[in-house]
């Protein structure tokens, strides 16, 4: 073999090696770009799902307020449990009856809060209130980007005394509402809390 042929073969081998290195680099860049795109899409989907769950929880808070205000039947046994100054129906561990479902008496200081023990996220929860149960409201669920299932809530009666009142003589009611909303992915969950203070009659307003 001549020196010229040997040099030509060496150049071809070097060119092939360079081409393979370039292809490898391009492949690595392509994989990295695809991975970044997938991560961005996954993050965006997660954010969207969290927003779905948050909106569902907010809807449950509004439904709970409607429930406290009498729902669709202001003269029902349920509505009477929210009578001014009354604590009837509010039990330790939250109620599971027809009228007092999801109504919780505040836990003692050493115990976990009632809303933590109520099992809000459980599918077979028997002490929490499903959205619309007492108000008749409807919320689409289970398809596409809709919540995987209806949100739920509990209502806890907490101590409250207006300025100048005897703390032991409650004349109004103060509630802590805890609601959970679910995303399209059932594992995406958002818990929100709100406080509801029963308005004083006009003749008692300061």
N, C-alpha and C. Protein backbone atom coordinates (compact mmCIF):
# COMPACT_ATOMS: atom_id res chain seq x y z
N UNK A 1 0.86 -1.19 0.00
CA UNK A 1 0.00 0.00 0.00
C UNK A 1 0.90 1.24 0.00
N UNK A 2 0.53 2.19 -0.84
CA UNK A 2 1.34 3.41 -0.96
C UNK A 2 1.09 4.33 0.22
N UNK A 3 1.99 5.26 0.42
CA UNK A 3 1.85 6.23 1.51
C UNK A 3 0.62 7.10 1.31
N UNK A 4 0.29 7.45 0.05
CA UNK A 4 -0.86 8.30 -0.25
C UNK A 4 -2.17 7.60 0.12
N UNK A 5 -2.26 6.29 -0.24
CA UNK A 5 -3.48 5.53 0.09
C UNK A 5 -3.66 5.40 1.61
N UNK A 6 -2.55 5.18 2.29
CA UNK A 6 -2.61 5.06 3.75
C UNK A 6 -3.08 6.36 4.40
N UNK A 7 -2.58 7.47 3.90
CA UNK A 7 -3.00 8.78 4.42
C UNK A 7 -4.47 9.02 4.17
N UNK A 8 -4.97 8.64 2.98
CA UNK A 8 -6.38 8.84 2.63
C UNK A 8 -7.29 8.02 3.54
N UNK A 9 -6.89 6.77 3.82
CA UNK A 9 -7.69 5.92 4.70
C UNK A 9 -7.71 6.48 6.13
N UNK A 10 -6.59 7.03 6.57
CA UNK A 10 -6.53 7.62 7.91
C UNK A 10 -7.46 8.83 8.00
N UNK A 11 -7.49 9.62 6.93
CA UNK A 11 -8.36 10.80 6.93
C UNK A 11 -9.83 10.38 6.95
N UNK A 12 -10.15 9.32 6.17
CA UNK A 12 -11.53 8.83 6.15
C UNK A 12 -11.94 8.30 7.53
N UNK A 13 -11.01 7.60 8.20
CA UNK A 13 -11.31 7.09 9.54
C UNK A 13 -11.52 8.20 10.54
N UNK A 14 -10.69 9.26 10.44
CA UNK A 14 -10.85 10.40 11.33
C UNK A 14 -12.17 11.12 11.07
N UNK A 15 -12.53 11.26 9.79
CA UNK A 15 -13.80 11.93 9.44
C UNK A 15 -14.99 11.15 9.98
N UNK A 16 -14.89 9.81 9.86
CA UNK A 16 -15.98 8.98 10.38
C UNK A 16 -16.10 9.12 11.90
N UNK A 17 -14.96 9.16 12.57
CA UNK A 17 -14.98 9.32 14.02
C UNK A 17 -15.58 10.66 14.43
N UNK A 18 -15.20 11.72 13.69
CA UNK A 18 -15.76 13.06 13.97
C UNK A 18 -17.26 13.07 13.72
N UNK A 19 -17.69 12.44 12.63
CA UNK A 19 -19.11 12.40 12.32
C UNK A 19 -19.90 11.66 13.40
N UNK A 20 -19.32 10.55 13.89
CA UNK A 20 -19.99 9.80 14.95
C UNK A 20 -20.08 10.62 16.24
N UNK A 21 -19.01 11.36 16.54
CA UNK A 21 -19.04 12.20 17.74
C UNK A 21 -20.09 13.29 17.62
N UNK A 22 -20.16 13.91 16.41
CA UNK A 22 -21.16 14.96 16.19
C UNK A 22 -22.58 14.40 16.34
N UNK A 23 -22.78 13.21 15.74
CA UNK A 23 -24.11 12.58 15.83
C UNK A 23 -24.46 12.26 17.28
N UNK A 24 -23.45 11.81 18.04
CA UNK A 24 -23.70 11.50 19.45
C UNK A 24 -24.07 12.76 20.23
N UNK A 25 -23.37 13.83 19.96
CA UNK A 25 -23.67 15.11 20.63
C UNK A 25 -25.07 15.58 20.28
N UNK A 26 -25.43 15.49 18.98
CA UNK A 26 -26.77 15.91 18.55
C UNK A 26 -27.85 15.04 19.21
N UNK A 27 -27.55 13.74 19.31
CA UNK A 27 -28.51 12.84 19.95
C UNK A 27 -28.71 13.21 21.41
N UNK A 28 -27.60 13.51 22.10
CA UNK A 28 -27.69 13.89 23.51
C UNK A 28 -28.46 15.20 23.67
N UNK A 29 -28.22 16.15 22.77
CA UNK A 29 -28.96 17.42 22.82
C UNK A 29 -30.45 17.20 22.58
N UNK A 30 -30.75 16.31 21.63
CA UNK A 30 -32.16 16.03 21.33
C UNK A 30 -32.86 15.38 22.51
N UNK A 31 -32.19 14.41 23.16
CA UNK A 31 -32.77 13.76 24.33
C UNK A 31 -32.98 14.76 25.45
N UNK A 32 -32.00 15.64 25.65
CA UNK A 32 -32.11 16.64 26.71
C UNK A 32 -33.26 17.60 26.44
N UNK A 33 -33.40 18.02 25.17
CA UNK A 33 -34.50 18.93 24.81
C UNK A 33 -35.86 18.25 25.01
N UNK A 34 -35.94 16.96 24.61
CA UNK A 34 -37.20 16.24 24.78
C UNK A 34 -37.54 16.07 26.25
N UNK A 35 -36.52 15.79 27.07
CA UNK A 35 -36.75 15.63 28.50
C UNK A 35 -37.21 16.93 29.13
N UNK A 36 -36.60 18.05 28.72
CA UNK A 36 -37.00 19.36 29.24
C UNK A 36 -38.44 19.67 28.85
N UNK A 37 -38.80 19.35 27.59
CA UNK A 37 -40.16 19.61 27.14
C UNK A 37 -41.17 18.77 27.92
N UNK A 38 -40.82 17.50 28.19
CA UNK A 38 -41.72 16.63 28.95
C UNK A 38 -41.88 17.12 30.39
N UNK A 39 -40.77 17.56 30.98
CA UNK A 39 -40.84 18.07 32.35
C UNK A 39 -41.68 19.34 32.43
N UNK A 40 -41.52 20.21 31.42
CA UNK A 40 -42.31 21.45 31.39
C UNK A 40 -43.79 21.13 31.24
N UNK A 41 -44.10 20.16 30.37
CA UNK A 41 -45.50 19.78 30.16
C UNK A 41 -46.08 19.15 31.43
N UNK A 42 -45.27 18.33 32.09
CA UNK A 42 -45.71 17.69 33.34
C UNK A 42 -45.96 18.74 34.42
N UNK A 43 -45.07 19.73 34.49
CA UNK A 43 -45.22 20.80 35.48
C UNK A 43 -46.48 21.62 35.20
N UNK A 44 -46.70 21.93 33.92
CA UNK A 44 -47.89 22.71 33.55
C UNK A 44 -49.16 21.93 33.85
N UNK A 45 -49.13 20.63 33.58
CA UNK A 45 -50.30 19.80 33.87
C UNK A 45 -50.56 19.74 35.37
N UNK A 46 -49.47 19.64 36.15
CA UNK A 46 -49.62 19.61 37.60
C UNK A 46 -50.19 20.92 38.14
N UNK A 47 -49.71 22.05 37.61
CA UNK A 47 -50.23 23.36 38.04
C UNK A 47 -51.71 23.49 37.70
N UNK A 48 -52.06 23.05 36.49
CA UNK A 48 -53.47 23.12 36.07
C UNK A 48 -54.34 22.26 36.98
N UNK A 49 -53.84 21.06 37.31
CA UNK A 49 -54.61 20.16 38.15
C UNK A 49 -54.78 20.74 39.55
N UNK A 50 -53.74 21.41 40.04
CA UNK A 50 -53.83 22.02 41.36
C UNK A 50 -54.87 23.15 41.34
N UNK A 51 -54.93 23.90 40.24
CA UNK A 51 -55.94 24.96 40.13
C UNK A 51 -57.34 24.37 40.12
N UNK A 52 -57.51 23.24 39.44
CA UNK A 52 -58.81 22.56 39.42
C UNK A 52 -59.21 22.17 40.84
N UNK A 53 -58.27 21.59 41.58
CA UNK A 53 -58.55 21.17 42.96
C UNK A 53 -58.85 22.37 43.85
N UNK A 54 -58.13 23.47 43.65
CA UNK A 54 -58.35 24.67 44.47
C UNK A 54 -59.73 25.27 44.20
N UNK A 55 -60.10 25.33 42.92
CA UNK A 55 -61.43 25.87 42.59
C UNK A 55 -62.54 24.98 43.15
N UNK A 56 -62.31 23.67 43.15
CA UNK A 56 -63.30 22.75 43.73
C UNK A 56 -63.42 22.99 45.23
N UNK A 57 -62.29 23.18 45.91
CA UNK A 57 -62.33 23.44 47.36
C UNK A 57 -63.03 24.76 47.65
N UNK A 58 -62.77 25.78 46.83
CA UNK A 58 -63.45 27.08 47.01
C UNK A 58 -64.95 26.92 46.81
N UNK A 59 -65.35 26.10 45.84
CA UNK A 59 -66.78 25.85 45.62
C UNK A 59 -67.39 25.17 46.84
N UNK A 60 -66.63 24.28 47.47
CA UNK A 60 -67.14 23.60 48.67
C UNK A 60 -67.30 24.57 49.83
N UNK A 61 -66.38 25.52 49.97
CA UNK A 61 -66.52 26.53 51.03
C UNK A 61 -67.80 27.33 50.83
N UNK A 62 -68.05 27.73 49.59
CA UNK A 62 -69.27 28.50 49.29
C UNK A 62 -70.52 27.64 49.56
N UNK A 63 -70.44 26.36 49.22
CA UNK A 63 -71.57 25.46 49.46
C UNK A 63 -71.83 25.31 50.95
N UNK A 64 -70.75 25.25 51.75
CA UNK A 64 -70.90 25.14 53.20
C UNK A 64 -71.57 26.38 53.77
N UNK A 65 -71.22 27.55 53.28
CA UNK A 65 -71.86 28.78 53.75
C UNK A 65 -73.35 28.76 53.42
N UNK A 66 -73.68 28.27 52.23
CA UNK A 66 -75.10 28.15 51.85
C UNK A 66 -75.80 27.16 52.76
N UNK A 67 -75.10 26.10 53.12
CA UNK A 67 -75.63 25.10 54.05
C UNK A 67 -75.95 25.75 55.40
N UNK A 68 -75.00 26.53 55.93
CA UNK A 68 -75.19 27.20 57.22
C UNK A 68 -76.38 28.16 57.17
N UNK A 69 -76.57 28.79 56.04
CA UNK A 69 -77.65 29.77 55.89
C UNK A 69 -79.01 29.13 55.63
N UNK A 70 -79.07 27.81 55.63
CA UNK A 70 -80.36 27.14 55.49
C UNK A 70 -80.51 26.32 54.24
N UNK A 71 -79.54 26.40 53.31
CA UNK A 71 -79.62 25.63 52.08
C UNK A 71 -80.89 25.88 51.32
N UNK A 72 -81.50 24.82 50.83
CA UNK A 72 -82.75 24.96 50.07
C UNK A 72 -83.98 24.80 50.96
N UNK A 73 -83.76 24.51 52.26
CA UNK A 73 -84.90 24.30 53.16
C UNK A 73 -84.62 24.97 54.51
N UNK A 74 -84.85 26.29 54.60
CA UNK A 74 -84.55 27.03 55.83
C UNK A 74 -85.30 26.54 57.06
N UNK A 75 -86.37 25.78 56.88
CA UNK A 75 -87.13 25.29 58.04
C UNK A 75 -86.85 23.83 58.33
N UNK A 76 -85.85 23.25 57.69
CA UNK A 76 -85.55 21.83 57.86
C UNK A 76 -84.86 21.57 59.20
N UNK A 77 -84.77 20.29 59.57
CA UNK A 77 -84.08 19.91 60.80
C UNK A 77 -82.61 20.31 60.72
N UNK A 78 -82.04 20.23 59.54
CA UNK A 78 -80.64 20.63 59.35
C UNK A 78 -80.48 22.12 59.65
N UNK A 79 -81.33 22.94 59.09
CA UNK A 79 -81.21 24.39 59.29
C UNK A 79 -81.36 24.78 60.76
N UNK A 80 -82.20 24.05 61.49
CA UNK A 80 -82.42 24.36 62.91
C UNK A 80 -81.16 24.14 63.75
N UNK A 81 -80.25 23.29 63.27
CA UNK A 81 -79.01 23.05 64.01
C UNK A 81 -78.07 24.26 63.96
N UNK A 82 -78.33 25.17 63.04
CA UNK A 82 -77.53 26.38 62.95
C UNK A 82 -78.23 27.58 63.59
N UNK A 83 -79.24 27.30 64.42
CA UNK A 83 -79.97 28.37 65.08
C UNK A 83 -79.02 29.21 65.93
N UNK A 84 -79.33 30.45 66.05
CA UNK A 84 -78.47 31.40 66.76
C UNK A 84 -78.26 30.95 68.21
N UNK A 85 -77.00 30.82 68.59
CA UNK A 85 -76.65 30.46 69.95
C UNK A 85 -76.75 28.98 70.27
N UNK A 86 -77.14 28.16 69.29
CA UNK A 86 -77.32 26.73 69.55
C UNK A 86 -76.07 25.95 69.19
N UNK A 87 -75.82 24.87 69.96
CA UNK A 87 -74.73 23.96 69.62
C UNK A 87 -75.25 22.54 69.43
N UNK A 88 -76.57 22.40 69.31
CA UNK A 88 -77.18 21.09 69.11
C UNK A 88 -76.70 20.50 67.79
N UNK A 89 -76.40 19.22 67.81
CA UNK A 89 -75.99 18.53 66.59
C UNK A 89 -74.50 18.50 66.36
N UNK A 90 -73.76 19.38 67.03
CA UNK A 90 -72.31 19.40 66.88
C UNK A 90 -71.70 18.44 67.89
N UNK A 91 -71.07 17.39 67.40
CA UNK A 91 -70.58 16.34 68.28
C UNK A 91 -69.08 16.11 68.07
N UNK A 92 -68.46 15.50 69.05
CA UNK A 92 -67.04 15.17 68.95
C UNK A 92 -66.84 14.16 67.83
N UNK A 93 -65.85 14.40 67.01
CA UNK A 93 -65.57 13.49 65.90
C UNK A 93 -66.42 13.73 64.68
N UNK A 94 -67.34 14.70 64.75
CA UNK A 94 -68.23 15.09 63.63
C UNK A 94 -69.40 14.14 63.51
N UNK A 95 -70.56 14.69 63.22
CA UNK A 95 -71.78 13.91 63.16
C UNK A 95 -71.89 13.07 61.91
N UNK A 96 -72.66 11.98 62.01
CA UNK A 96 -72.87 11.11 60.86
C UNK A 96 -74.35 10.81 60.65
N UNK A 97 -75.22 11.61 61.28
CA UNK A 97 -76.66 11.40 61.14
C UNK A 97 -77.22 12.11 59.93
N UNK A 98 -78.51 11.94 59.73
CA UNK A 98 -79.17 12.54 58.57
C UNK A 98 -79.13 14.06 58.63
N UNK A 99 -79.28 14.63 59.83
CA UNK A 99 -79.32 16.08 59.96
C UNK A 99 -77.97 16.67 60.34
N UNK A 100 -77.22 15.98 61.19
CA UNK A 100 -75.99 16.59 61.72
C UNK A 100 -74.71 16.09 61.03
N UNK A 101 -74.84 15.54 59.85
CA UNK A 101 -73.68 15.05 59.11
C UNK A 101 -72.63 16.16 58.97
N UNK A 102 -71.39 15.82 59.35
CA UNK A 102 -70.28 16.76 59.16
C UNK A 102 -70.22 17.91 60.12
N UNK A 103 -71.05 17.90 61.17
CA UNK A 103 -71.01 18.99 62.16
C UNK A 103 -70.12 18.55 63.32
N UNK A 104 -69.09 19.33 63.57
CA UNK A 104 -68.05 18.92 64.52
C UNK A 104 -67.97 19.85 65.73
N UNK A 105 -67.87 19.25 66.88
CA UNK A 105 -67.57 20.01 68.08
C UNK A 105 -66.07 20.18 68.17
N UNK A 106 -65.63 21.34 68.59
CA UNK A 106 -64.19 21.58 68.66
C UNK A 106 -63.51 20.61 69.61
N UNK A 107 -62.38 20.06 69.15
CA UNK A 107 -61.64 19.09 69.96
C UNK A 107 -60.94 19.80 71.11
N UNK A 108 -60.67 19.06 72.16
CA UNK A 108 -59.93 19.61 73.29
C UNK A 108 -58.52 19.97 72.82
N UNK A 109 -57.87 20.84 73.56
CA UNK A 109 -56.58 21.38 73.12
C UNK A 109 -55.54 20.31 72.86
N UNK A 110 -55.58 19.21 73.60
CA UNK A 110 -54.56 18.18 73.47
C UNK A 110 -54.81 17.22 72.31
N UNK A 111 -55.98 17.30 71.69
CA UNK A 111 -56.34 16.38 70.61
C UNK A 111 -56.14 17.04 69.25
N UNK A 112 -56.07 16.21 68.22
CA UNK A 112 -55.95 16.73 66.86
C UNK A 112 -57.24 17.46 66.50
N UNK A 113 -57.17 18.51 65.68
CA UNK A 113 -58.38 19.24 65.28
C UNK A 113 -59.40 18.30 64.64
N UNK A 114 -60.66 18.63 64.81
CA UNK A 114 -61.73 17.78 64.31
C UNK A 114 -61.60 17.53 62.81
N UNK A 115 -61.21 18.55 62.05
CA UNK A 115 -61.15 18.39 60.60
C UNK A 115 -60.05 17.42 60.19
N UNK A 116 -59.02 17.25 61.01
CA UNK A 116 -57.97 16.30 60.68
C UNK A 116 -58.40 14.86 60.93
N UNK A 117 -59.36 14.67 61.81
CA UNK A 117 -59.81 13.32 62.16
C UNK A 117 -61.07 12.91 61.41
N UNK A 118 -61.59 13.80 60.59
CA UNK A 118 -62.86 13.51 59.92
C UNK A 118 -62.70 12.65 58.67
N UNK A 119 -61.48 12.51 58.15
CA UNK A 119 -61.28 11.69 56.94
C UNK A 119 -61.79 12.36 55.69
N UNK A 120 -61.45 13.62 55.51
CA UNK A 120 -61.95 14.38 54.35
C UNK A 120 -61.63 13.71 53.01
N UNK A 121 -60.46 13.12 52.90
CA UNK A 121 -60.03 12.58 51.61
C UNK A 121 -60.52 11.17 51.34
N UNK A 122 -61.11 10.54 52.34
CA UNK A 122 -61.55 9.15 52.16
C UNK A 122 -62.76 9.06 51.24
N UNK A 123 -62.74 8.06 50.38
CA UNK A 123 -63.86 7.89 49.44
C UNK A 123 -65.15 7.45 50.15
N UNK A 124 -65.01 6.70 51.22
CA UNK A 124 -66.18 6.22 51.94
C UNK A 124 -66.39 7.00 53.23
N UNK A 125 -65.99 8.27 53.23
CA UNK A 125 -66.13 9.10 54.44
C UNK A 125 -67.59 9.17 54.85
N UNK A 126 -67.84 8.96 56.14
CA UNK A 126 -69.22 8.98 56.63
C UNK A 126 -69.48 10.16 57.54
N UNK A 127 -68.47 10.99 57.78
CA UNK A 127 -68.63 12.14 58.67
C UNK A 127 -68.31 13.46 57.97
N UNK A 128 -68.27 13.43 56.66
CA UNK A 128 -68.03 14.65 55.89
C UNK A 128 -69.17 14.85 54.91
N UNK A 129 -69.28 16.06 54.40
CA UNK A 129 -70.42 16.43 53.56
C UNK A 129 -69.98 16.60 52.12
N UNK A 130 -70.59 15.87 51.23
CA UNK A 130 -70.28 16.01 49.81
C UNK A 130 -70.95 17.26 49.26
N UNK A 131 -70.26 17.91 48.35
CA UNK A 131 -70.77 19.14 47.73
C UNK A 131 -72.20 18.93 47.23
N UNK A 132 -73.09 19.84 47.63
CA UNK A 132 -74.47 19.81 47.16
C UNK A 132 -75.40 18.91 47.95
N UNK A 133 -74.88 18.19 48.94
CA UNK A 133 -75.71 17.23 49.69
C UNK A 133 -76.90 17.91 50.36
N UNK A 134 -76.67 19.08 50.95
CA UNK A 134 -77.76 19.79 51.63
C UNK A 134 -78.26 21.01 50.86
N UNK A 135 -77.59 21.37 49.79
CA UNK A 135 -77.98 22.59 49.06
C UNK A 135 -78.55 22.30 47.67
N UNK A 136 -78.36 21.08 47.20
CA UNK A 136 -78.84 20.73 45.87
C UNK A 136 -77.95 21.21 44.75
N UNK A 137 -76.82 21.82 45.07
CA UNK A 137 -75.91 22.32 44.04
C UNK A 137 -75.26 21.15 43.32
N UNK A 138 -74.88 21.37 42.06
CA UNK A 138 -74.25 20.32 41.27
C UNK A 138 -72.91 20.81 40.74
N UNK A 139 -71.95 19.91 40.69
CA UNK A 139 -70.61 20.23 40.18
C UNK A 139 -70.17 19.10 39.27
N UNK A 140 -69.94 19.38 37.97
CA UNK A 140 -69.51 18.31 37.05
C UNK A 140 -68.17 17.72 37.50
N UNK A 141 -68.05 16.42 37.41
CA UNK A 141 -66.81 15.75 37.83
C UNK A 141 -66.51 14.57 36.92
N UNK A 142 -65.25 14.12 36.97
CA UNK A 142 -64.89 12.83 36.41
C UNK A 142 -64.54 12.76 34.94
N UNK A 143 -64.50 13.88 34.21
CA UNK A 143 -64.18 13.82 32.79
C UNK A 143 -63.17 14.90 32.44
N UNK A 144 -62.22 14.55 31.60
CA UNK A 144 -61.25 15.52 31.12
C UNK A 144 -60.50 16.20 32.25
N UNK A 145 -60.59 17.53 32.28
CA UNK A 145 -59.89 18.31 33.30
C UNK A 145 -60.79 18.64 34.49
N UNK A 146 -61.93 17.98 34.59
CA UNK A 146 -62.84 18.21 35.71
C UNK A 146 -62.31 17.49 36.95
N UNK A 147 -62.75 17.92 38.14
CA UNK A 147 -62.34 17.20 39.36
C UNK A 147 -62.69 15.72 39.27
N UNK A 148 -61.85 14.88 39.83
CA UNK A 148 -62.08 13.44 39.76
C UNK A 148 -63.33 13.03 40.55
N UNK A 149 -63.65 13.80 41.59
CA UNK A 149 -64.85 13.53 42.40
C UNK A 149 -65.26 14.81 43.12
N UNK A 150 -66.47 14.86 43.65
CA UNK A 150 -66.95 16.10 44.28
C UNK A 150 -66.13 16.46 45.51
N UNK A 151 -65.96 17.75 45.77
CA UNK A 151 -65.27 18.17 47.00
C UNK A 151 -66.13 17.87 48.22
N UNK A 152 -65.51 17.92 49.39
CA UNK A 152 -66.21 17.62 50.64
C UNK A 152 -65.83 18.66 51.69
N UNK A 153 -66.63 18.74 52.74
CA UNK A 153 -66.33 19.71 53.80
C UNK A 153 -66.90 19.26 55.13
N UNK A 154 -66.40 19.87 56.19
CA UNK A 154 -66.96 19.72 57.53
C UNK A 154 -67.10 21.12 58.12
N UNK A 155 -67.99 21.24 59.09
CA UNK A 155 -68.24 22.53 59.75
C UNK A 155 -68.01 22.34 61.24
N UNK A 156 -67.12 23.14 61.77
CA UNK A 156 -66.74 23.02 63.19
C UNK A 156 -67.22 24.26 63.95
N UNK A 157 -67.89 24.05 65.05
CA UNK A 157 -68.33 25.15 65.90
C UNK A 157 -67.18 25.53 66.84
N UNK A 158 -66.78 26.79 66.80
CA UNK A 158 -65.64 27.22 67.62
C UNK A 158 -66.09 28.34 68.56
N UNK A 159 -65.43 28.47 69.70
CA UNK A 159 -65.81 29.50 70.67
C UNK A 159 -65.62 30.90 70.10
N UNK A 160 -66.55 31.77 70.44
CA UNK A 160 -66.43 33.17 70.03
C UNK A 160 -67.31 34.02 70.94
N UNK A 161 -66.77 35.12 71.37
CA UNK A 161 -67.56 36.07 72.17
C UNK A 161 -67.27 37.47 71.66
N UNK A 162 -68.32 38.22 71.44
CA UNK A 162 -68.15 39.60 71.00
C UNK A 162 -67.64 40.45 72.17
N UNK A 163 -67.03 41.55 71.87
CA UNK A 163 -66.53 42.42 72.94
C UNK A 163 -67.63 42.74 73.95
N UNK A 164 -67.32 42.53 75.23
CA UNK A 164 -68.27 42.82 76.29
C UNK A 164 -69.17 41.66 76.65
N UNK A 165 -69.13 40.56 75.86
CA UNK A 165 -69.98 39.41 76.15
C UNK A 165 -69.29 38.44 77.10
N UNK A 166 -70.08 37.70 77.83
CA UNK A 166 -69.57 36.62 78.66
C UNK A 166 -69.25 35.45 77.74
N UNK A 167 -68.00 34.99 77.77
CA UNK A 167 -67.59 33.90 76.88
C UNK A 167 -68.41 32.64 77.08
N UNK A 168 -68.97 32.46 78.27
CA UNK A 168 -69.76 31.27 78.54
C UNK A 168 -71.21 31.40 78.09
N UNK A 169 -71.61 32.57 77.67
CA UNK A 169 -72.99 32.81 77.22
C UNK A 169 -72.97 33.19 75.75
N UNK A 170 -72.88 32.18 74.89
CA UNK A 170 -72.77 32.46 73.46
C UNK A 170 -74.11 32.91 72.90
N UNK A 171 -74.12 34.06 72.24
CA UNK A 171 -75.34 34.57 71.62
C UNK A 171 -75.30 34.45 70.10
N UNK A 172 -74.14 34.14 69.58
CA UNK A 172 -74.00 33.97 68.13
C UNK A 172 -73.13 32.75 67.85
N UNK A 173 -73.05 32.36 66.61
CA UNK A 173 -72.27 31.19 66.24
C UNK A 173 -71.09 31.57 65.36
N UNK A 174 -69.98 30.90 65.57
CA UNK A 174 -68.77 31.12 64.81
C UNK A 174 -68.30 29.75 64.33
N UNK A 175 -68.13 29.61 63.02
CA UNK A 175 -67.82 28.31 62.45
C UNK A 175 -66.49 28.33 61.71
N UNK A 176 -65.80 27.22 61.79
CA UNK A 176 -64.62 27.01 60.94
C UNK A 176 -65.00 25.94 59.92
N UNK A 177 -64.91 26.31 58.66
CA UNK A 177 -65.24 25.38 57.57
C UNK A 177 -63.93 24.88 56.96
N UNK A 178 -63.82 23.58 56.82
CA UNK A 178 -62.65 22.98 56.17
C UNK A 178 -63.14 22.18 54.97
N UNK A 179 -62.58 22.49 53.80
CA UNK A 179 -63.02 21.84 52.56
C UNK A 179 -61.82 21.26 51.83
N UNK A 180 -62.07 20.17 51.13
CA UNK A 180 -61.04 19.55 50.30
C UNK A 180 -61.55 19.43 48.87
N UNK A 181 -60.69 19.81 47.93
CA UNK A 181 -61.02 19.69 46.51
C UNK A 181 -60.04 18.74 45.84
N UNK A 182 -60.50 18.06 44.80
CA UNK A 182 -59.68 17.09 44.09
C UNK A 182 -59.45 17.54 42.66
N UNK A 183 -58.26 17.26 42.14
CA UNK A 183 -57.96 17.57 40.75
C UNK A 183 -58.45 16.46 39.84
N UNK A 184 -58.16 16.59 38.54
CA UNK A 184 -58.49 15.51 37.61
C UNK A 184 -57.75 14.24 38.00
N UNK A 185 -56.54 14.43 38.51
CA UNK A 185 -55.80 13.33 39.13
C UNK A 185 -56.20 13.29 40.59
N UNK A 186 -56.77 12.19 41.02
CA UNK A 186 -57.31 12.11 42.38
C UNK A 186 -56.26 12.36 43.45
N UNK A 187 -54.99 12.16 43.11
CA UNK A 187 -53.92 12.37 44.08
C UNK A 187 -53.63 13.86 44.30
N UNK A 188 -54.15 14.72 43.42
CA UNK A 188 -53.98 16.17 43.58
C UNK A 188 -55.11 16.69 44.46
N UNK A 189 -54.75 17.21 45.62
CA UNK A 189 -55.75 17.62 46.60
C UNK A 189 -55.37 18.96 47.21
N UNK A 190 -56.36 19.80 47.42
CA UNK A 190 -56.15 21.10 48.06
C UNK A 190 -57.14 21.24 49.20
N UNK A 191 -56.64 21.59 50.37
CA UNK A 191 -57.49 21.80 51.55
C UNK A 191 -57.50 23.29 51.87
N UNK A 192 -58.70 23.86 52.01
CA UNK A 192 -58.85 25.27 52.35
C UNK A 192 -59.73 25.39 53.59
N UNK A 193 -59.51 26.47 54.33
CA UNK A 193 -60.34 26.76 55.49
C UNK A 193 -60.87 28.18 55.42
N UNK A 194 -62.04 28.36 55.96
CA UNK A 194 -62.64 29.69 56.05
C UNK A 194 -63.42 29.77 57.35
N UNK A 195 -63.60 30.97 57.85
CA UNK A 195 -64.38 31.19 59.08
C UNK A 195 -65.66 31.93 58.73
N UNK A 196 -66.73 31.50 59.36
CA UNK A 196 -68.04 32.10 59.10
C UNK A 196 -68.62 32.57 60.43
N UNK A 197 -68.85 33.86 60.53
CA UNK A 197 -69.42 34.45 61.74
C UNK A 197 -70.86 34.83 61.47
N UNK A 198 -71.73 34.27 62.29
CA UNK A 198 -73.15 34.58 62.14
C UNK A 198 -73.37 36.07 62.43
N UNK A 199 -74.01 36.74 61.51
CA UNK A 199 -74.24 38.18 61.67
C UNK A 199 -75.20 38.46 62.81
N UNK A 200 -74.89 39.51 63.54
CA UNK A 200 -75.78 39.91 64.65
C UNK A 200 -77.01 40.59 64.08
N UNK A 201 -78.18 40.41 64.74
CA UNK A 201 -79.38 41.13 64.30
C UNK A 201 -79.14 42.64 64.30
N UNK A 202 -79.90 43.33 63.51
CA UNK A 202 -79.71 44.79 63.35
C UNK A 202 -79.79 45.52 64.69
N UNK A 203 -80.67 45.04 65.59
CA UNK A 203 -80.82 45.78 66.86
C UNK A 203 -79.66 45.53 67.81
N UNK A 204 -78.78 44.55 67.48
CA UNK A 204 -77.62 44.31 68.32
C UNK A 204 -76.35 44.89 67.71
N UNK A 205 -76.43 45.33 66.49
CA UNK A 205 -75.22 45.84 65.82
C UNK A 205 -74.69 47.05 66.56
N UNK A 206 -73.38 47.17 66.70
CA UNK A 206 -72.80 48.31 67.44
C UNK A 206 -72.99 49.62 66.67
